[in-house]
Amino acid sequence: MLQITDITTQRFSYKTTVVRDSEGHTHAGDEHDAVQTLITIETDEGTVGRAFGGMPELLIEDVFKPALLGEDPMMREKLWQRLRHWQRAHRDLTDREVGVIDMALWDLAGAAADLPVYKLLGGYRDKVLAYASTMCGDEDPGGLSSPEDYARFAEWCMQRGYKAFKLHTWMPPIEWAPDPKMDVKACAAVREAVGPDILLMLDAYHFYSREQAYYIGRELEKLNYYWFEEPMDEHSISSYAWLAQQLDIPVIGPETAEGKMFTRAEWMARDAADISRGGVGDVGGITPLMKIVHLAESFGVAMEVHGGGAGNLQVLGAMGIPGEFYERGLLHPFIDYDAVEPWLNAKIDDLDADGFVHLPQGPGLGHDINFDYVDANRI
């Protein structure tokens, strides 16, 4: 029986032009140094699992090592449930951090079986259609500062091969944001630019009132948008149930609401959204995200995966229910998203000419890690 013998972190630096504003939204900016973290779970037989994602070293020593050392890494459900229980007393232990460990355990299982994770999960498809997912609006001319900027960028994305496009519009700390009418103007400009047949979505400001969300939703219906995402505080399930009942356009959620599969079950039972939502970073890894996939299947509800990355892509490869898209991004006119990250030898989510991202066929999560770069830039 395999046993976990150690959990290690390798922090390393890289150059990036992606910056975050005071509200946590990403934008294009000047080049600067940033830090990435590689988590490695080691076993007594030499099989390892890896995943990328930062976390405090204190959590490794005080939570993850006591919970996992000496355990069989193939008992992923047992280990995930143990970490879920630890979260009750360790309020600083987030779902995102648990998710990194869970993905490393799935990567280890894939390495041991010499299979990609999506085939371990059951396997359903080996490619998935991607949509272009923009960064939030900004005030940089030629970036995403106006409806016309969004329209030009949408046209470029169609030329790049995307078959669908999602706007993230303007949010604080921009002084005049949010503005429902500006959101609608941007959506209208994109529709005019790409024509009537391209699937379009809007992910707007997340704290609009019911009236503001209703206004935007009705305007999106006129523009034949495909879905309307997270326009209100997700703690108010009744507000979403009201909005979903009022609108014809599908409402999608919850995205970031805490509570893992329990929260999604409540939303489904109360018809609070037409399409469910979840990602590995939102709910605590691949293990709980697959629970939500099966929950949605039981309710006959479509489920769209939130965000990109290896873990979400592997889940998409295993989903046998409606879940049409891989969210590719976040994209911006000034950012070359197609560039390979310096710590990888190949991009995890290359886009083909038909708008599809193909599932990696290597073992585990499918990362082709550039260990020379990681070692050379250790912090």
Protein backbone atom coordinates (compact mmCIF):
# COMPACT_ATOMS: atom_id res chain seq x y z
CA MET A 1 0.00 0.00 0.00
CA LEU A 2 1.27 3.43 -0.91
CA GLN A 3 1.85 5.84 1.95
CA ILE A 4 2.24 9.62 1.86
CA THR A 5 5.68 10.46 3.23
CA ASP A 6 5.99 14.19 2.62
CA ILE A 7 4.31 17.32 1.27
CA THR A 8 6.65 19.99 -0.09
CA THR A 9 6.36 23.40 -1.69
CA GLN A 10 8.57 25.01 -4.29
CA ARG A 11 8.05 28.75 -4.64
CA PHE A 12 9.55 30.37 -7.71
CA SER A 13 9.45 33.74 -9.46
CA TYR A 14 8.38 34.68 -12.96
CA LYS A 15 7.67 37.80 -15.00
CA THR A 16 4.10 38.82 -15.79
CA THR A 17 2.11 41.76 -17.11
CA VAL A 18 -1.06 40.74 -15.24
CA VAL A 19 -1.86 43.00 -12.28
CA ARG A 20 -4.64 43.06 -9.67
CA ASP A 21 -6.61 46.10 -8.60
CA SER A 22 -7.68 46.86 -5.02
CA GLU A 23 -10.82 44.74 -5.49
CA GLY A 24 -8.84 41.71 -6.69
CA HIS A 25 -9.74 41.93 -10.40
CA THR A 26 -7.00 41.21 -12.94
CA HIS A 27 -5.99 43.68 -15.64
CA ALA A 28 -3.14 44.26 -18.07
CA GLY A 29 -0.26 46.29 -16.61
CA ASP A 30 3.48 46.80 -16.51
CA GLU A 31 5.82 43.83 -16.29
CA HIS A 32 6.72 42.84 -12.76
CA ASP A 33 7.88 39.88 -10.69
CA ALA A 34 5.30 37.42 -9.38
CA VAL A 35 5.41 34.15 -7.47
CA GLN A 36 4.02 30.71 -8.31
CA THR A 37 4.00 27.65 -6.03
CA LEU A 38 4.32 23.97 -6.92
CA ILE A 39 2.90 21.57 -4.34
CA THR A 40 4.30 18.02 -4.37
CA ILE A 41 2.90 15.02 -2.47
CA GLU A 42 5.52 12.28 -2.13
CA THR A 43 5.06 8.58 -1.35
CA ASP A 44 7.18 5.74 -0.04
CA GLU A 45 7.30 4.10 -3.47
CA GLY A 46 8.43 7.21 -5.33
CA THR A 47 5.12 8.03 -7.02
CA VAL A 48 4.35 11.73 -6.67
CA GLY A 49 1.45 14.08 -7.33
CA ARG A 50 1.78 17.75 -8.16
CA ALA A 51 -0.45 20.79 -8.47
CA PHE A 52 0.12 24.53 -8.73
CA GLY A 53 -1.31 26.95 -6.19
CA GLY A 54 -0.04 29.15 -3.41
CA MET A 55 -0.73 28.61 0.26
CA PRO A 56 0.91 29.58 3.55
CA GLU A 57 3.68 27.24 4.66
CA LEU A 58 2.01 27.18 8.07
CA LEU A 59 -0.96 25.32 6.57
CA ILE A 60 1.36 22.65 5.17
CA GLU A 61 2.94 22.06 8.57
CA ASP A 62 -0.10 22.53 10.84
CA VAL A 63 -2.91 21.06 8.74
CA PHE A 64 -1.96 19.10 5.65
CA LYS A 65 0.95 17.10 7.03
CA PRO A 66 -0.88 16.02 10.21
CA ALA A 67 -3.95 15.13 8.15
CA LEU A 68 -2.20 13.27 5.33
CA LEU A 69 1.22 11.86 6.29
CA GLY A 70 1.16 8.08 6.61
CA GLU A 71 -2.13 7.82 4.74
CA ASP A 72 -2.88 5.94 1.53
CA PRO A 73 -3.07 8.63 -1.22
CA MET A 74 -5.55 6.49 -3.17
CA MET A 75 -8.12 7.05 -0.41
CA ARG A 76 -8.97 10.45 -1.87
CA GLU A 77 -12.55 10.57 -0.61
CA LYS A 78 -11.46 9.79 2.95
CA LEU A 79 -8.73 12.42 2.82
CA TRP A 80 -10.96 15.08 1.28
CA GLN A 81 -13.66 14.46 3.90
CA ARG A 82 -11.04 14.74 6.62
CA LEU A 83 -9.88 18.11 5.29
CA ARG A 84 -13.49 19.27 4.96
CA HIS A 85 -14.02 18.48 8.64
CA TRP A 86 -10.81 20.32 9.56
CA GLN A 87 -12.22 23.46 7.92
CA ARG A 88 -14.79 23.80 10.72
CA ALA A 89 -12.07 24.60 13.27
CA HIS A 90 -9.48 26.02 10.85
CA ARG A 91 -11.42 28.92 9.36
CA ASP A 92 -8.32 30.07 7.48
CA LEU A 93 -8.28 26.77 5.54
CA THR A 94 -9.99 27.78 2.31
CA ASP A 95 -11.62 25.66 -0.36
CA ARG A 96 -9.00 26.90 -2.81
CA GLU A 97 -6.19 25.51 -0.65
CA VAL A 98 -7.95 22.22 -0.04
CA GLY A 99 -8.53 22.09 -3.79
CA VAL A 100 -4.81 22.29 -4.55
CA ILE A 101 -4.11 19.30 -2.29
CA ASP A 102 -7.04 17.36 -3.76
CA MET A 103 -5.78 18.00 -7.29
CA ALA A 104 -2.28 16.86 -6.32
CA LEU A 105 -3.81 13.62 -4.98
CA TRP A 106 -5.67 13.09 -8.26
CA ASP A 107 -2.45 13.82 -10.17
CA LEU A 108 -0.71 11.18 -8.08
CA ALA A 109 -3.44 8.66 -8.81
CA GLY A 110 -3.12 9.38 -12.53
CA ALA A 111 0.63 8.92 -12.34
CA ALA A 112 0.23 5.59 -10.56
CA ALA A 113 -2.31 4.36 -13.14
CA ASP A 114 -0.56 6.01 -16.12
CA LEU A 115 -3.88 7.63 -17.08
CA PRO A 116 -5.18 11.19 -17.37
CA VAL A 117 -7.47 12.16 -14.52
CA TYR A 118 -10.54 12.52 -16.73
CA LYS A 119 -10.31 8.82 -17.63
CA LEU A 120 -9.94 7.87 -13.96
CA LEU A 121 -13.14 9.85 -13.38
CA GLY A 122 -14.94 7.81 -16.04
CA GLY A 123 -14.16 9.71 -19.20
CA TYR A 124 -16.74 11.19 -21.57
CA ARG A 125 -14.98 13.35 -24.18
CA ASP A 126 -11.47 14.27 -25.20
CA LYS A 127 -12.12 17.85 -26.31
CA VAL A 128 -14.40 20.67 -25.19
CA LEU A 129 -15.49 23.90 -26.86
CA ALA A 130 -13.93 27.00 -25.30
CA TYR A 131 -15.31 30.47 -24.88
CA ALA A 132 -13.22 33.62 -24.73
CA SER A 133 -13.58 35.05 -21.22
CA THR A 134 -12.44 38.66 -20.87
CA MET A 135 -10.84 40.43 -17.97
CA CYS A 136 -12.97 43.07 -16.26
CA GLY A 137 -13.38 46.44 -17.90
CA ASP A 138 -10.67 49.06 -17.41
CA GLU A 139 -9.86 52.64 -18.33
CA ASP A 140 -6.96 51.93 -20.70
CA PRO A 141 -7.63 53.21 -24.25
CA GLY A 142 -7.54 50.28 -26.65
CA GLY A 143 -7.93 47.84 -23.77
CA LEU A 144 -11.41 47.20 -22.40
CA SER A 145 -12.32 50.82 -21.68
CA SER A 146 -15.39 51.24 -23.88
CA PRO A 147 -18.14 49.30 -25.64
CA GLU A 148 -16.17 49.78 -28.86
CA ASP A 149 -13.09 48.18 -27.25
CA TYR A 150 -15.12 45.11 -26.29
CA ALA A 151 -16.53 44.93 -29.83
CA ARG A 152 -13.08 45.05 -31.45
CA PHE A 153 -11.73 42.45 -29.04
CA ALA A 154 -14.69 40.15 -29.69
CA GLU A 155 -14.00 40.37 -33.42
CA TRP A 156 -10.36 39.44 -32.81
CA CYS A 157 -11.40 36.48 -30.65
CA MET A 158 -13.65 35.19 -33.43
CA GLN A 159 -10.73 35.40 -35.84
CA ARG A 160 -8.62 33.52 -33.32
CA GLY A 161 -11.10 30.63 -33.50
CA TYR A 162 -13.46 31.07 -30.56
CA LYS A 163 -17.11 30.28 -31.16
CA ALA A 164 -18.39 32.01 -28.01
CA PHE A 165 -17.48 35.13 -26.02
CA LYS A 166 -18.14 36.24 -22.43
CA LEU A 167 -17.84 39.79 -21.15
CA HIS A 168 -16.75 40.72 -17.65
CA THR A 169 -17.75 44.38 -17.53
CA TRP A 170 -16.68 47.33 -15.36
CA MET A 171 -16.52 47.00 -11.60
CA PRO A 172 -15.07 48.96 -8.66
CA PRO A 173 -12.53 50.42 -8.01
CA ILE A 174 -13.36 52.23 -11.29
CA GLU A 175 -15.00 55.36 -9.92
CA TRP A 176 -18.12 55.35 -12.09
CA ALA A 177 -18.69 51.60 -11.99
CA PRO A 178 -20.88 49.66 -11.84
CA ASP A 179 -23.32 51.00 -14.40
CA PRO A 180 -26.08 48.74 -15.79
CA LYS A 181 -26.55 50.91 -18.86
CA MET A 182 -22.84 50.75 -19.73
CA ASP A 183 -22.94 46.97 -19.34
CA VAL A 184 -25.83 46.81 -21.81
CA LYS A 185 -24.04 49.16 -24.24
CA ALA A 186 -20.98 46.90 -24.23
CA CYS A 187 -23.14 43.82 -24.78
CA ALA A 188 -24.95 45.51 -27.66
CA ALA A 189 -21.68 46.58 -29.29
CA VAL A 190 -20.34 43.03 -29.11
CA ARG A 191 -23.52 41.58 -30.59
CA GLU A 192 -23.38 44.04 -33.49
CA ALA A 193 -19.71 43.25 -34.10
CA VAL A 194 -19.94 39.43 -34.17
CA GLY A 195 -23.38 38.99 -35.74
CA PRO A 196 -26.44 37.01 -34.67
CA ASP A 197 -25.01 33.48 -34.56
CA ILE A 198 -22.17 33.74 -32.02
CA LEU A 199 -22.99 32.62 -28.48
CA LEU A 200 -22.52 35.52 -26.04
CA MET A 201 -22.63 35.67 -22.25
CA LEU A 202 -22.38 38.39 -19.59
CA ASP A 203 -20.74 38.15 -16.17
CA ALA A 204 -21.55 41.52 -14.63
CA TYR A 205 -21.06 43.26 -11.29
CA HIS A 206 -21.90 40.74 -8.56
CA PHE A 207 -23.87 43.02 -6.24
CA TYR A 208 -26.56 44.57 -8.40
CA SER A 209 -30.04 44.96 -6.93
CA ARG A 210 -32.96 42.87 -8.16
CA GLU A 211 -34.23 45.75 -10.25
CA GLN A 212 -30.85 46.40 -11.87
CA ALA A 213 -30.33 42.70 -12.60
CA TYR A 214 -33.83 42.44 -14.06
CA TYR A 215 -33.18 45.44 -16.35
CA ILE A 216 -29.90 43.98 -17.63
CA GLY A 217 -31.43 40.55 -18.10
CA ARG A 218 -34.32 41.88 -20.18
CA GLU A 219 -31.88 43.82 -22.38
CA LEU A 220 -29.75 40.70 -22.84
CA GLU A 221 -32.84 38.82 -24.00
CA LYS A 222 -33.34 41.40 -26.75
CA LEU A 223 -29.71 40.84 -27.78
CA ASN A 224 -30.16 37.03 -27.76
CA TYR A 225 -27.47 36.40 -25.12
CA TYR A 226 -26.88 32.82 -24.04
CA TRP A 227 -26.67 33.25 -20.26
CA PHE A 228 -26.55 35.88 -17.51
CA GLU A 229 -24.05 35.18 -14.73
CA GLU A 230 -23.85 36.16 -11.05
CA PRO A 231 -25.43 39.66 -11.14
CA MET A 232 -26.41 39.74 -7.43
CA ASP A 233 -25.06 38.71 -4.03
CA GLU A 234 -25.14 34.92 -4.05
CA HIS A 235 -26.02 34.70 -0.36
CA SER A 236 -29.56 35.77 -1.29
CA ILE A 237 -30.89 32.57 -2.83
CA SER A 238 -34.41 34.00 -2.90
CA SER A 239 -33.23 36.87 -5.12
CA TYR A 240 -31.87 34.42 -7.65
CA ALA A 241 -35.01 32.31 -7.52
CA TRP A 242 -37.02 35.47 -8.21
CA LEU A 243 -34.74 36.54 -11.09
CA ALA A 244 -34.69 33.11 -12.73
CA GLN A 245 -38.49 33.07 -12.64
CA GLN A 246 -38.77 36.57 -14.12
CA LEU A 247 -36.31 36.17 -17.01
CA ASP A 248 -36.32 34.00 -20.11
CA ILE A 249 -32.52 34.13 -20.48
CA PRO A 250 -30.84 31.39 -18.41
CA VAL A 251 -29.45 32.62 -15.08
CA ILE A 252 -26.27 30.84 -13.98
CA GLY A 253 -24.97 30.33 -10.45
CA PRO A 254 -23.78 30.03 -7.78
CA GLU A 255 -20.15 30.68 -8.61
CA THR A 256 -18.26 31.78 -5.52
CA ALA A 257 -20.79 31.10 -2.76
CA GLU A 258 -19.22 28.98 -0.04
CA GLY A 259 -20.78 25.66 0.87
CA LYS A 260 -19.53 23.28 -1.80
CA MET A 261 -22.13 20.76 -3.03
CA PHE A 262 -24.45 21.60 -0.14
CA THR A 263 -25.03 25.13 -1.43
CA ARG A 264 -25.51 23.91 -5.01
CA ALA A 265 -28.09 21.39 -3.79
CA GLU A 266 -30.07 24.17 -2.11
CA TRP A 267 -29.98 26.27 -5.28
CA MET A 268 -31.17 23.36 -7.40
CA ALA A 269 -33.93 22.40 -4.97
CA ARG A 270 -35.17 25.99 -4.90
CA ASP A 271 -34.86 26.60 -8.68
CA ALA A 272 -32.56 29.54 -7.96
CA ALA A 273 -30.71 29.26 -11.27
CA ASP A 274 -31.22 27.62 -14.63
CA ILE A 275 -27.58 26.50 -14.91
CA SER A 276 -25.40 25.50 -11.95
CA ARG A 277 -21.80 26.60 -11.55
CA GLY A 278 -18.65 25.47 -9.79
CA GLY A 279 -14.90 25.20 -10.18
CA VAL A 280 -12.10 23.34 -8.42
CA GLY A 281 -10.99 26.51 -6.64
CA ASP A 282 -14.51 27.42 -5.54
CA VAL A 283 -15.57 24.14 -3.96
CA GLY A 284 -12.37 22.42 -2.79
CA GLY A 285 -11.04 20.38 -5.67
CA ILE A 286 -11.93 17.74 -8.22
CA THR A 287 -13.58 15.45 -5.63
CA PRO A 288 -16.39 17.87 -4.65
CA LEU A 289 -16.77 19.26 -8.15
CA MET A 290 -17.62 15.80 -9.45
CA LYS A 291 -20.20 15.51 -6.66
CA ILE A 292 -21.81 18.67 -8.03
CA VAL A 293 -21.71 17.28 -11.58
CA HIS A 294 -23.62 14.19 -10.43
CA LEU A 295 -25.97 16.29 -8.33
CA ALA A 296 -26.80 18.43 -11.35
CA GLU A 297 -27.38 15.31 -13.43
CA SER A 298 -29.86 14.06 -10.82
CA PHE A 299 -31.79 17.32 -10.97
CA GLY A 300 -31.63 17.53 -14.78
CA VAL A 301 -29.70 20.81 -14.52
CA ALA A 302 -26.85 21.88 -16.79
CA MET A 303 -23.60 22.71 -14.99
CA GLU A 304 -20.91 25.01 -16.38
CA VAL A 305 -17.42 24.86 -14.93
CA HIS A 306 -16.04 28.13 -13.54
CA GLY A 307 -12.55 29.05 -14.66
CA GLY A 308 -9.80 27.35 -16.57
CA GLY A 309 -6.79 25.30 -15.59
CA ALA A 310 -5.89 21.64 -15.47
CA GLY A 311 -8.30 20.52 -12.75
CA ASN A 312 -11.36 22.11 -14.33
CA LEU A 313 -10.38 20.78 -17.74
CA GLN A 314 -10.09 17.23 -16.43
CA VAL A 315 -13.55 17.46 -14.86
CA LEU A 316 -14.98 18.71 -18.15
CA GLY A 317 -13.54 15.64 -19.85
CA ALA A 318 -15.48 13.42 -17.44
CA MET A 319 -18.84 15.21 -17.51
CA GLY A 320 -21.64 13.27 -19.14
CA ILE A 321 -24.21 16.03 -18.59
CA PRO A 322 -24.74 19.34 -20.39
CA GLY A 323 -21.70 21.44 -19.63
CA GLU A 324 -20.71 22.92 -22.93
CA PHE A 325 -17.68 25.10 -22.37
CA TYR A 326 -14.16 25.49 -21.09
CA GLU A 327 -13.66 29.03 -19.79
CA ARG A 328 -10.45 30.17 -21.47
CA GLY A 329 -8.88 33.26 -20.03
CA LEU A 330 -8.95 35.69 -18.58
CA LEU A 331 -8.27 37.50 -21.85
CA HIS A 332 -7.31 41.09 -22.69
CA PRO A 333 -6.13 42.85 -25.86
CA PHE A 334 -2.77 43.61 -24.24
CA ILE A 335 -2.14 40.08 -22.87
CA ASP A 336 -0.78 37.18 -24.94
CA TYR A 337 -2.73 34.37 -23.33
CA ASP A 338 -1.43 31.87 -25.90
CA ALA A 339 2.15 32.24 -24.62
CA VAL A 340 3.33 29.18 -22.70
CA GLU A 341 3.84 29.83 -19.00
CA PRO A 342 7.61 29.74 -18.29
CA TRP A 343 7.23 26.91 -15.74
CA LEU A 344 5.61 24.66 -18.38
CA ASN A 345 6.92 23.13 -21.60
CA ALA A 346 3.49 23.20 -23.24
CA LYS A 347 0.25 25.03 -22.61
CA ILE A 348 -2.41 23.01 -20.81
CA ASP A 349 -5.27 24.54 -22.83
CA ASP A 350 -4.16 25.21 -26.40
CA LEU A 351 -7.04 26.30 -28.65
CA ASP A 352 -7.40 24.59 -32.03
CA ALA A 353 -8.71 26.19 -35.23
CA ASP A 354 -12.25 24.97 -34.53
CA GLY A 355 -12.44 26.54 -31.07
CA PHE A 356 -11.80 23.38 -29.03
CA VAL A 357 -9.41 22.69 -26.17
CA HIS A 358 -8.19 19.10 -26.13
CA LEU A 359 -7.79 17.06 -22.95
CA PRO A 360 -4.13 16.29 -22.14
CA GLN A 361 -3.38 12.62 -22.65
CA GLY A 362 -0.45 12.44 -20.25
CA PRO A 363 -0.85 10.89 -16.80
CA GLY A 364 -2.50 12.84 -14.03
CA LEU A 365 -3.47 16.46 -14.55
CA GLY A 366 -1.38 16.65 -17.71
CA HIS A 367 1.09 19.38 -16.76
CA ASP A 368 4.36 19.19 -18.70
CA ILE A 369 6.48 20.95 -16.08
CA ASN A 370 9.72 22.74 -16.91
CA PHE A 371 11.62 21.67 -13.80
CA ASP A 372 14.80 23.44 -14.97
CA TYR A 373 12.93 26.74 -14.87
CA VAL A 374 11.37 25.99 -11.48
CA ASP A 375 14.75 25.09 -9.97
CA ALA A 376 16.53 28.07 -11.52
CA ASN A 377 14.01 30.56 -10.15
CA ARG A 378 13.46 29.15 -6.68
CA ILE A 379 12.75 31.63 -3.91
